[in-house]
Amino acid sequence: MTGDAAKAALLAQIQDRLAALTPTHLELQDESARHAGHAHNGGGHFRLEIVSPAFAGLSTLARHRLVYTALGELLQGPVHALAIKAMTPEEASL
């Protein structure tokens, strides 16, 4: 699998796993190119903005834990760094 195909496959896998949180909005950006020269050759750096009713009543830490649980072992391998902005639909509409 080529580099671009592997990246596309990983992005699709991340989105598939996050579907378990029934997001109303999901934006996933691969920021690996901005981290060239870092650990893992800069690969595996992502920024996530996710809106889900599953986050209602949860602290930021609990929301991030839900995301981590959904991603599972991807966080032990191909996902090296993940910046998360997790909101409820109500918070996103403000």
PDB file of N, CA and C in Angstrom:
ATOM      1  N   MET A   1       0.858  -1.184   0.000  1.00  0.00           N
ATOM      2  CA  MET A   1       0.000   0.000   0.000  1.00  0.00           C
ATOM      3  C   MET A   1       0.894   1.234   0.000  1.00  0.00           C
ATOM      4  N   THR A   2       0.607   2.180  -0.859  1.00  0.00           N
ATOM      5  CA  THR A   2       1.408   3.397  -0.943  1.00  0.00           C
ATOM      6  C   THR A   2       1.161   4.267   0.274  1.00  0.00           C
ATOM      7  N   GLY A   3       2.012   5.273   0.470  1.00  0.00           N
ATOM      8  CA  GLY A   3       1.865   6.171   1.607  1.00  0.00           C
ATOM      9  C   GLY A   3       0.521   6.867   1.636  1.00  0.00           C
ATOM     10  N   ASP A   4       0.087   7.382   0.484  1.00  0.00           N
ATOM     11  CA  ASP A   4      -1.203   8.079   0.421  1.00  0.00           C
ATOM     12  C   ASP A   4      -2.361   7.123   0.673  1.00  0.00           C
ATOM     13  N   ALA A   5      -2.276   5.924   0.138  1.00  0.00           N
ATOM     14  CA  ALA A   5      -3.339   4.932   0.348  1.00  0.00           C
ATOM     15  C   ALA A   5      -3.385   4.499   1.807  1.00  0.00           C
ATOM     16  N   ALA A   6      -2.218   4.348   2.427  1.00  0.00           N
ATOM     17  CA  ALA A   6      -2.160   3.960   3.835  1.00  0.00           C
ATOM     18  C   ALA A   6      -2.758   5.059   4.719  1.00  0.00           C
ATOM     19  N   LYS A   7      -2.455   6.318   4.404  1.00  0.00           N
ATOM     20  CA  LYS A   7      -3.018   7.443   5.161  1.00  0.00           C
ATOM     21  C   LYS A   7      -4.537   7.478   5.023  1.00  0.00           C
ATOM     22  N   ALA A   8      -5.016   7.296   3.800  1.00  0.00           N
ATOM     23  CA  ALA A   8      -6.459   7.306   3.556  1.00  0.00           C
ATOM     24  C   ALA A   8      -7.133   6.160   4.300  1.00  0.00           C
ATOM     25  N   ALA A   9      -6.500   4.997   4.313  1.00  0.00           N
ATOM     26  CA  ALA A   9      -7.059   3.843   5.017  1.00  0.00           C
ATOM     27  C   ALA A   9      -7.106   4.102   6.519  1.00  0.00           C
ATOM     28  N   LEU A  10      -6.060   4.705   7.067  1.00  0.00           N
ATOM     29  CA  LEU A  10      -6.039   5.013   8.500  1.00  0.00           C
ATOM     30  C   LEU A  10      -7.106   6.044   8.845  1.00  0.00           C
ATOM     31  N   LEU A  11      -7.234   7.094   8.047  1.00  0.00           N
ATOM     32  CA  LEU A  11      -8.274   8.099   8.296  1.00  0.00           C
ATOM     33  C   LEU A  11      -9.659   7.455   8.280  1.00  0.00           C
ATOM     34  N   ALA A  12      -9.902   6.569   7.334  1.00  0.00           N
ATOM     35  CA  ALA A  12     -11.196   5.878   7.249  1.00  0.00           C
ATOM     36  C   ALA A  12     -11.410   4.990   8.467  1.00  0.00           C
ATOM     37  N   GLN A  13     -10.360   4.321   8.911  1.00  0.00           N
ATOM     38  CA  GLN A  13     -10.478   3.449  10.088  1.00  0.00           C
ATOM     39  C   GLN A  13     -10.793   4.269  11.345  1.00  0.00           C
ATOM     40  N   ILE A  14     -10.146   5.403  11.502  1.00  0.00           N
ATOM     41  CA  ILE A  14     -10.413   6.279  12.645  1.00  0.00           C
ATOM     42  C   ILE A  14     -11.872   6.748  12.606  1.00  0.00           C
ATOM     43  N   GLN A  15     -12.331   7.203  11.445  1.00  0.00           N
ATOM     44  CA  GLN A  15     -13.704   7.682  11.312  1.00  0.00           C
ATOM     45  C   GLN A  15     -14.704   6.561  11.582  1.00  0.00           C
ATOM     46  N   ASP A  16     -14.421   5.356  11.108  1.00  0.00           N
ATOM     47  CA  ASP A  16     -15.304   4.217  11.347  1.00  0.00           C
ATOM     48  C   ASP A  16     -15.434   3.931  12.839  1.00  0.00           C
ATOM     49  N   ARG A  17     -14.327   3.971  13.543  1.00  0.00           N
ATOM     50  CA  ARG A  17     -14.362   3.690  14.983  1.00  0.00           C
ATOM     51  C   ARG A  17     -15.080   4.785  15.758  1.00  0.00           C
ATOM     52  N   LEU A  18     -14.899   6.029  15.331  1.00  0.00           N
ATOM     53  CA  LEU A  18     -15.564   7.135  16.018  1.00  0.00           C
ATOM     54  C   LEU A  18     -17.064   7.163  15.739  1.00  0.00           C
ATOM     55  N   ALA A  19     -17.511   6.460  14.725  1.00  0.00           N
ATOM     56  CA  ALA A  19     -18.948   6.373  14.428  1.00  0.00           C
ATOM     57  C   ALA A  19     -19.719   5.772  15.599  1.00  0.00           C
ATOM     58  N   ALA A  20     -19.046   5.007  16.446  1.00  0.00           N
ATOM     59  CA  ALA A  20     -19.679   4.427  17.629  1.00  0.00           C
ATOM     60  C   ALA A  20     -20.188   5.509  18.581  1.00  0.00           C
ATOM     61  N   LEU A  21     -19.648   6.718  18.477  1.00  0.00           N
ATOM     62  CA  LEU A  21     -20.074   7.834  19.338  1.00  0.00           C
ATOM     63  C   LEU A  21     -21.214   8.633  18.705  1.00  0.00           C
ATOM     64  N   THR A  22     -21.727   8.165  17.598  1.00  0.00           N
ATOM     65  CA  THR A  22     -22.815   8.812  16.847  1.00  0.00           C
ATOM     66  C   THR A  22     -22.608  10.328  16.698  1.00  0.00           C
ATOM     67  N   PRO A  23     -21.499  10.712  16.095  1.00  0.00           N
ATOM     68  CA  PRO A  23     -21.232  12.148  15.950  1.00  0.00           C
ATOM     69  C   PRO A  23     -22.197  12.813  14.978  1.00  0.00           C
ATOM     70  N   THR A  24     -22.549  14.057  15.305  1.00  0.00           N
ATOM     71  CA  THR A  24     -23.329  14.871  14.377  1.00  0.00           C
ATOM     72  C   THR A  24     -22.394  15.693  13.498  1.00  0.00           C
ATOM     73  N   HIS A  25     -21.148  15.784  13.920  1.00  0.00           N
ATOM     74  CA  HIS A  25     -20.097  16.459  13.151  1.00  0.00           C
ATOM     75  C   HIS A  25     -18.786  15.790  13.507  1.00  0.00           C
ATOM     76  N   LEU A  26     -17.967  15.531  12.499  1.00  0.00           N
ATOM     77  CA  LEU A  26     -16.652  14.945  12.725  1.00  0.00           C
ATOM     78  C   LEU A  26     -15.702  15.513  11.690  1.00  0.00           C
ATOM     79  N   GLU A  27     -14.662  16.151  12.166  1.00  0.00           N
ATOM     80  CA  GLU A  27     -13.632  16.693  11.279  1.00  0.00           C
ATOM     81  C   GLU A  27     -12.297  16.153  11.752  1.00  0.00           C
ATOM     82  N   LEU A  28     -11.625  15.431  10.896  1.00  0.00           N
ATOM     83  CA  LEU A  28     -10.350  14.808  11.223  1.00  0.00           C
ATOM     84  C   LEU A  28      -9.300  15.297  10.247  1.00  0.00           C
ATOM     85  N   GLN A  29      -8.229  15.867  10.786  1.00  0.00           N
ATOM     86  CA  GLN A  29      -7.162  16.395   9.944  1.00  0.00           C
ATOM     87  C   GLN A  29      -5.858  15.680  10.261  1.00  0.00           C
ATOM     88  N   ASP A  30      -5.164  15.255   9.224  1.00  0.00           N
ATOM     89  CA  ASP A  30      -3.839  14.663   9.370  1.00  0.00           C
ATOM     90  C   ASP A  30      -2.840  15.809   9.368  1.00  0.00           C
ATOM     91  N   GLU A  31      -2.195  16.024  10.498  1.00  0.00           N
ATOM     92  CA  GLU A  31      -1.215  17.107  10.622  1.00  0.00           C
ATOM     93  C   GLU A  31       0.211  16.578  10.634  1.00  0.00           C
ATOM     94  N   SER A  32       0.402  15.372  10.162  1.00  0.00           N
ATOM     95  CA  SER A  32       1.715  14.735  10.200  1.00  0.00           C
ATOM     96  C   SER A  32       2.779  15.535   9.475  1.00  0.00           C
ATOM     97  N   ALA A  33       2.434  16.137   8.357  1.00  0.00           N
ATOM     98  CA  ALA A  33       3.419  16.889   7.574  1.00  0.00           C
ATOM     99  C   ALA A  33       3.995  18.056   8.373  1.00  0.00           C
ATOM    100  N   ARG A  34       3.227  18.580   9.300  1.00  0.00           N
ATOM    101  CA  ARG A  34       3.691  19.702  10.129  1.00  0.00           C
ATOM    102  C   ARG A  34       4.690  19.255  11.186  1.00  0.00           C
ATOM    103  N   HIS A  35       4.840  17.935  11.355  1.00  0.00           N
ATOM    104  CA  HIS A  35       5.695  17.396  12.415  1.00  0.00           C
ATOM    105  C   HIS A  35       6.858  16.589  11.860  1.00  0.00           C
ATOM    106  N   ALA A  36       7.237  16.845  10.627  1.00  0.00           N
ATOM    107  CA  ALA A  36       8.369  16.143  10.021  1.00  0.00           C
ATOM    108  C   ALA A  36       9.603  16.311  10.905  1.00  0.00           C
ATOM    109  N   GLY A  37      10.326  15.231  11.104  1.00  0.00           N
ATOM    110  CA  GLY A  37      11.517  15.270  11.951  1.00  0.00           C
ATOM    111  C   GLY A  37      11.235  14.903  13.391  1.00  0.00           C
ATOM    112  N   HIS A  38       9.972  14.790  13.783  1.00  0.00           N
ATOM    113  CA  HIS A  38       9.615  14.384  15.142  1.00  0.00           C
ATOM    114  C   HIS A  38       9.612  12.866  15.233  1.00  0.00           C
ATOM    115  N   ALA A  39       9.271  12.367  16.387  1.00  0.00           N
ATOM    116  CA  ALA A  39       9.160  10.922  16.592  1.00  0.00           C
ATOM    117  C   ALA A  39       8.241  10.326  15.531  1.00  0.00           C
ATOM    118  N   HIS A  40       8.496   9.101  15.144  1.00  0.00           N
ATOM    119  CA  HIS A  40       7.728   8.402  14.109  1.00  0.00           C
ATOM    120  C   HIS A  40       7.822   9.140  12.772  1.00  0.00           C
ATOM    121  N   ASN A  41       8.926   9.883  12.604  1.00  0.00           N
ATOM    122  CA  ASN A  41       9.121  10.659  11.371  1.00  0.00           C
ATOM    123  C   ASN A  41       7.977  11.640  11.142  1.00  0.00           C
ATOM    124  N   GLY A  42       7.341  12.066  12.233  1.00  0.00           N
ATOM    125  CA  GLY A  42       6.262  13.045  12.138  1.00  0.00           C
ATOM    126  C   GLY A  42       4.924  12.435  11.801  1.00  0.00           C
ATOM    127  N   GLY A  43       4.874  11.155  11.508  1.00  0.00           N
ATOM    128  CA  GLY A  43       3.617  10.500  11.129  1.00  0.00           C
ATOM    129  C   GLY A  43       2.702  10.263  12.311  1.00  0.00           C
ATOM    130  N   GLY A  44       1.430  10.140  12.002  1.00  0.00           N
ATOM    131  CA  GLY A  44       0.461   9.789  13.024  1.00  0.00           C
ATOM    132  C   GLY A  44      -0.040  10.936  13.880  1.00  0.00           C
ATOM    133  N   HIS A  45       0.125  12.166  13.428  1.00  0.00           N
ATOM    134  CA  HIS A  45      -0.355  13.339  14.165  1.00  0.00           C
ATOM    135  C   HIS A  45      -1.695  13.781  13.578  1.00  0.00           C
ATOM    136  N   PHE A  46      -2.721  13.831  14.435  1.00  0.00           N
ATOM    137  CA  PHE A  46      -4.055  14.170  13.971  1.00  0.00           C
ATOM    138  C   PHE A  46      -4.702  15.209  14.863  1.00  0.00           C
ATOM    139  N   ARG A  47      -5.618  15.968  14.282  1.00  0.00           N
ATOM    140  CA  ARG A  47      -6.467  16.922  15.009  1.00  0.00           C
ATOM    141  C   ARG A  47      -7.906  16.503  14.745  1.00  0.00           C
ATOM    142  N   LEU A  48      -8.673  16.368  15.832  1.00  0.00           N
ATOM    143  CA  LEU A  48     -10.047  15.900  15.749  1.00  0.00           C
ATOM    144  C   LEU A  48     -10.990  16.912  16.370  1.00  0.00           C
ATOM    145  N   GLU A  49     -12.037  17.247  15.624  1.00  0.00           N
ATOM    146  CA  GLU A  49     -13.157  18.008  16.171  1.00  0.00           C
ATOM    147  C   GLU A  49     -14.368  17.105  16.015  1.00  0.00           C
ATOM    148  N   ILE A  50     -14.998  16.794  17.141  1.00  0.00           N
ATOM    149  CA  ILE A  50     -16.125  15.869  17.128  1.00  0.00           C
ATOM    150  C   ILE A  50     -17.248  16.420  17.992  1.00  0.00           C
ATOM    151  N   VAL A  51     -18.458  16.342  17.461  1.00  0.00           N
ATOM    152  CA  VAL A  51     -19.659  16.785  18.163  1.00  0.00           C
ATOM    153  C   VAL A  51     -20.554  15.557  18.314  1.00  0.00           C
ATOM    154  N   SER A  52     -20.944  15.273  19.556  1.00  0.00           N
ATOM    155  CA  SER A  52     -21.763  14.094  19.804  1.00  0.00           C
ATOM    156  C   SER A  52     -22.631  14.290  21.041  1.00  0.00           C
ATOM    157  N   PRO A  53     -23.872  13.804  20.992  1.00  0.00           N
ATOM    158  CA  PRO A  53     -24.701  13.837  22.190  1.00  0.00           C
ATOM    159  C   PRO A  53     -24.151  12.929  23.286  1.00  0.00           C
ATOM    160  N   ALA A  54     -23.265  12.014  22.941  1.00  0.00           N
ATOM    161  CA  ALA A  54     -22.665  11.115  23.932  1.00  0.00           C
ATOM    162  C   ALA A  54     -21.817  11.878  24.951  1.00  0.00           C
ATOM    163  N   PHE A  55     -21.427  13.116  24.639  1.00  0.00           N
ATOM    164  CA  PHE A  55     -20.588  13.907  25.535  1.00  0.00           C
ATOM    165  C   PHE A  55     -21.379  14.696  26.572  1.00  0.00           C
ATOM    166  N   ALA A  56     -22.694  14.672  26.489  1.00  0.00           N
ATOM    167  CA  ALA A  56     -23.529  15.453  27.414  1.00  0.00           C
ATOM    168  C   ALA A  56     -23.244  15.060  28.856  1.00  0.00           C
ATOM    169  N   GLY A  57     -23.018  16.067  29.676  1.00  0.00           N
ATOM    170  CA  GLY A  57     -22.810  15.865  31.102  1.00  0.00           C
ATOM    171  C   GLY A  57     -21.434  15.343  31.473  1.00  0.00           C
ATOM    172  N   LEU A  58     -20.537  15.202  30.506  1.00  0.00           N
ATOM    173  CA  LEU A  58     -19.204  14.664  30.775  1.00  0.00           C
ATOM    174  C   LEU A  58     -18.154  15.762  30.813  1.00  0.00           C
ATOM    175  N   SER A  59     -17.152  15.560  31.637  1.00  0.00           N
ATOM    176  CA  SER A  59     -16.015  16.474  31.689  1.00  0.00           C
ATOM    177  C   SER A  59     -15.177  16.298  30.425  1.00  0.00           C
ATOM    178  N   THR A  60     -14.265  17.224  30.207  1.00  0.00           N
ATOM    179  CA  THR A  60     -13.367  17.123  29.054  1.00  0.00           C
ATOM    180  C   THR A  60     -12.582  15.817  29.113  1.00  0.00           C
ATOM    181  N   LEU A  61     -12.079  15.470  30.280  1.00  0.00           N
ATOM    182  CA  LEU A  61     -11.313  14.237  30.432  1.00  0.00           C
ATOM    183  C   LEU A  61     -12.158  13.013  30.087  1.00  0.00           C
ATOM    184  N   ALA A  62     -13.397  12.968  30.552  1.00  0.00           N
ATOM    185  CA  ALA A  62     -14.279  11.837  30.257  1.00  0.00           C
ATOM    186  C   ALA A  62     -14.600  11.763  28.761  1.00  0.00           C
ATOM    187  N   ARG A  63     -14.746  12.903  28.129  1.00  0.00           N
ATOM    188  CA  ARG A  63     -15.003  12.936  26.684  1.00  0.00           C
ATOM    189  C   ARG A  63     -13.809  12.362  25.923  1.00  0.00           C
ATOM    190  N   HIS A  64     -12.612  12.778  26.328  1.00  0.00           N
ATOM    191  CA  HIS A  64     -11.399  12.283  25.674  1.00  0.00           C
ATOM    192  C   HIS A  64     -11.260  10.778  25.888  1.00  0.00           C
ATOM    193  N   ARG A  65     -11.610  10.314  27.069  1.00  0.00           N
ATOM    194  CA  ARG A  65     -11.545   8.870  27.335  1.00  0.00           C
ATOM    195  C   ARG A  65     -12.492   8.095  26.425  1.00  0.00           C
ATOM    196  N   LEU A  66     -13.667   8.648  26.148  1.00  0.00           N
ATOM    197  CA  LEU A  66     -14.586   7.992  25.207  1.00  0.00           C
ATOM    198  C   LEU A  66     -13.952   7.876  23.821  1.00  0.00           C
ATOM    199  N   VAL A  67     -13.297   8.938  23.394  1.00  0.00           N
ATOM    200  CA  VAL A  67     -12.620   8.924  22.093  1.00  0.00           C
ATOM    201  C   VAL A  67     -11.501   7.883  22.106  1.00  0.00           C
ATOM    202  N   TYR A  68     -10.686   7.872  23.171  1.00  0.00           N
ATOM    203  CA  TYR A  68      -9.587   6.914  23.271  1.00  0.00           C
ATOM    204  C   TYR A  68     -10.102   5.481  23.250  1.00  0.00           C
ATOM    205  N   THR A  69     -11.191   5.233  23.957  1.00  0.00           N
ATOM    206  CA  THR A  69     -11.774   3.891  23.980  1.00  0.00           C
ATOM    207  C   THR A  69     -12.242   3.484  22.589  1.00  0.00           C
ATOM    208  N   ALA A  70     -12.875   4.408  21.882  1.00  0.00           N
ATOM    209  CA  ALA A  70     -13.350   4.107  20.534  1.00  0.00           C
ATOM    210  C   ALA A  70     -12.186   3.783  19.595  1.00  0.00           C
ATOM    211  N   LEU A  71     -11.063   4.464  19.761  1.00  0.00           N
ATOM    212  CA  LEU A  71      -9.919   4.250  18.874  1.00  0.00           C
ATOM    213  C   LEU A  71      -9.101   3.018  19.256  1.00  0.00           C
ATOM    214  N   GLY A  72      -9.178   2.620  20.518  1.00  0.00           N
ATOM    215  CA  GLY A  72      -8.517   1.395  20.965  1.00  0.00           C
ATOM    216  C   GLY A  72      -7.038   1.329  20.618  1.00  0.00           C
ATOM    217  N   GLU A  73      -6.643   0.195  20.045  1.00  0.00           N
ATOM    218  CA  GLU A  73      -5.228  -0.073  19.779  1.00  0.00           C
ATOM    219  C   GLU A  73      -4.617   0.829  18.712  1.00  0.00           C
ATOM    220  N   LEU A  74      -5.425   1.588  17.994  1.00  0.00           N
ATOM    221  CA  LEU A  74      -4.853   2.538  17.031  1.00  0.00           C
ATOM    222  C   LEU A  74      -3.958   3.547  17.744  1.00  0.00           C
ATOM    223  N   LEU A  75      -4.259   3.817  19.019  1.00  0.00           N
ATOM    224  CA  LEU A  75      -3.457   4.769  19.786  1.00  0.00           C
ATOM    225  C   LEU A  75      -2.113   4.173  20.197  1.00  0.00           C
ATOM    226  N   GLN A  76      -1.971   2.868  20.077  1.00  0.00           N
ATOM    227  CA  GLN A  76      -0.709   2.218  20.408  1.00  0.00           C
ATOM    228  C   GLN A  76       0.200   2.064  19.191  1.00  0.00           C
ATOM    229  N   GLY A  77      -0.303   2.431  18.024  1.00  0.00           N
ATOM    230  CA  GLY A  77       0.478   2.229  16.812  1.00  0.00           C
ATOM    231  C   GLY A  77       0.429   3.404  15.881  1.00  0.00           C
ATOM    232  N   PRO A  78      -0.483   3.370  14.918  1.00  0.00           N
ATOM    233  CA  PRO A  78      -0.440   4.382  13.856  1.00  0.00           C
ATOM    234  C   PRO A  78      -0.832   5.795  14.289  1.00  0.00           C
ATOM    235  N   VAL A  79      -1.565   5.936  15.377  1.00  0.00           N
ATOM    236  CA  VAL A  79      -1.927   7.273  15.874  1.00  0.00           C
ATOM    237  C   VAL A  79      -0.945   7.631  16.981  1.00  0.00           C
ATOM    238  N   HIS A  80      -0.026   8.525  16.662  1.00  0.00           N
ATOM    239  CA  HIS A  80       1.017   8.907  17.607  1.00  0.00           C
ATOM    240  C   HIS A  80       0.569  10.066  18.507  1.00  0.00           C
ATOM    241  N   ALA A  81      -0.151  11.018  17.940  1.00  0.00           N
ATOM    242  CA  ALA A  81      -0.599  12.190  18.687  1.00  0.00           C
ATOM    243  C   ALA A  81      -1.984  12.584  18.185  1.00  0.00           C
ATOM    244  N   LEU A  82      -2.850  12.959  19.123  1.00  0.00           N
ATOM    245  CA  LEU A  82      -4.216  13.319  18.768  1.00  0.00           C
ATOM    246  C   LEU A  82      -4.666  14.515  19.597  1.00  0.00           C
ATOM    247  N   ALA A  83      -4.933  15.632  18.921  1.00  0.00           N
ATOM    248  CA  ALA A  83      -5.506  16.812  19.574  1.00  0.00           C
ATOM    249  C   ALA A  83      -7.017  16.696  19.409  1.00  0.00           C
ATOM    250  N   ILE A  84      -7.744  16.800  20.521  1.00  0.00           N
ATOM    251  CA  ILE A  84      -9.191  16.560  20.507  1.00  0.00           C
ATOM    252  C   ILE A  84      -9.955  17.788  20.969  1.00  0.00           C
ATOM    253  N   LYS A  85     -10.984  18.140  20.202  1.00  0.00           N
ATOM    254  CA  LYS A  85     -11.985  19.115  20.629  1.00  0.00           C
ATOM    255  C   LYS A  85     -13.307  18.369  20.565  1.00  0.00           C
ATOM    256  N   ALA A  86     -13.868  18.037  21.734  1.00  0.00           N
ATOM    257  CA  ALA A  86     -15.088  17.232  21.821  1.00  0.00           C
ATOM    258  C   ALA A  86     -16.202  18.078  22.439  1.00  0.00           C
ATOM    259  N   MET A  87     -17.312  18.216  21.710  1.00  0.00           N
ATOM    260  CA  MET A  87     -18.416  19.070  22.156  1.00  0.00           C
ATOM    261  C   MET A  87     -19.742  18.341  22.009  1.00  0.00           C
ATOM    262  N   THR A  88     -20.726  18.813  22.772  1.00  0.00           N
ATOM    263  CA  THR A  88     -22.099  18.370  22.581  1.00  0.00           C
ATOM    264  C   THR A  88     -22.688  19.199  21.449  1.00  0.00           C
ATOM    265  N   PRO A  89     -23.811  18.765  20.860  1.00  0.00           N
ATOM    266  CA  PRO A  89     -24.446  19.577  19.823  1.00  0.00           C
ATOM    267  C   PRO A  89     -24.813  20.979  20.332  1.00  0.00           C
ATOM    268  N   GLU A  90     -25.238  21.061  21.578  1.00  0.00           N
ATOM    269  CA  GLU A  90     -25.587  22.372  22.154  1.00  0.00           C
ATOM    270  C   GLU A  90     -24.382  23.289  22.232  1.00  0.00           C
ATOM    271  N   GLU A  91     -23.247  22.754  22.657  1.00  0.00           N
ATOM    272  CA  GLU A  91     -22.023  23.567  22.752  1.00  0.00           C
ATOM    273  C   GLU A  91     -21.549  24.001  21.364  1.00  0.00           C
ATOM    274  N   ALA A  92     -21.695  23.140  20.399  1.00  0.00           N
ATOM    275  CA  ALA A  92     -21.240  23.456  19.040  1.00  0.00           C
ATOM    276  C   ALA A  92     -22.086  24.545  18.400  1.00  0.00           C
ATOM    277  N   SER A  93     -23.322  24.687  18.834  1.00  0.00           N
ATOM    278  CA  SER A  93     -24.205  25.685  18.225  1.00  0.00           C
ATOM    279  C   SER A  93     -24.030  27.071  18.835  1.00  0.00           C
ATOM    280  N   LEU A  94     -23.211  27.195  19.868  1.00  0.00           N
ATOM    281  CA  LEU A  94     -23.002  28.506  20.502  1.00  0.00           C
ATOM    282  C   LEU A  94     -22.106  29.405  19.692  1.00  0.00           C
TER     283      LEU A  94
END
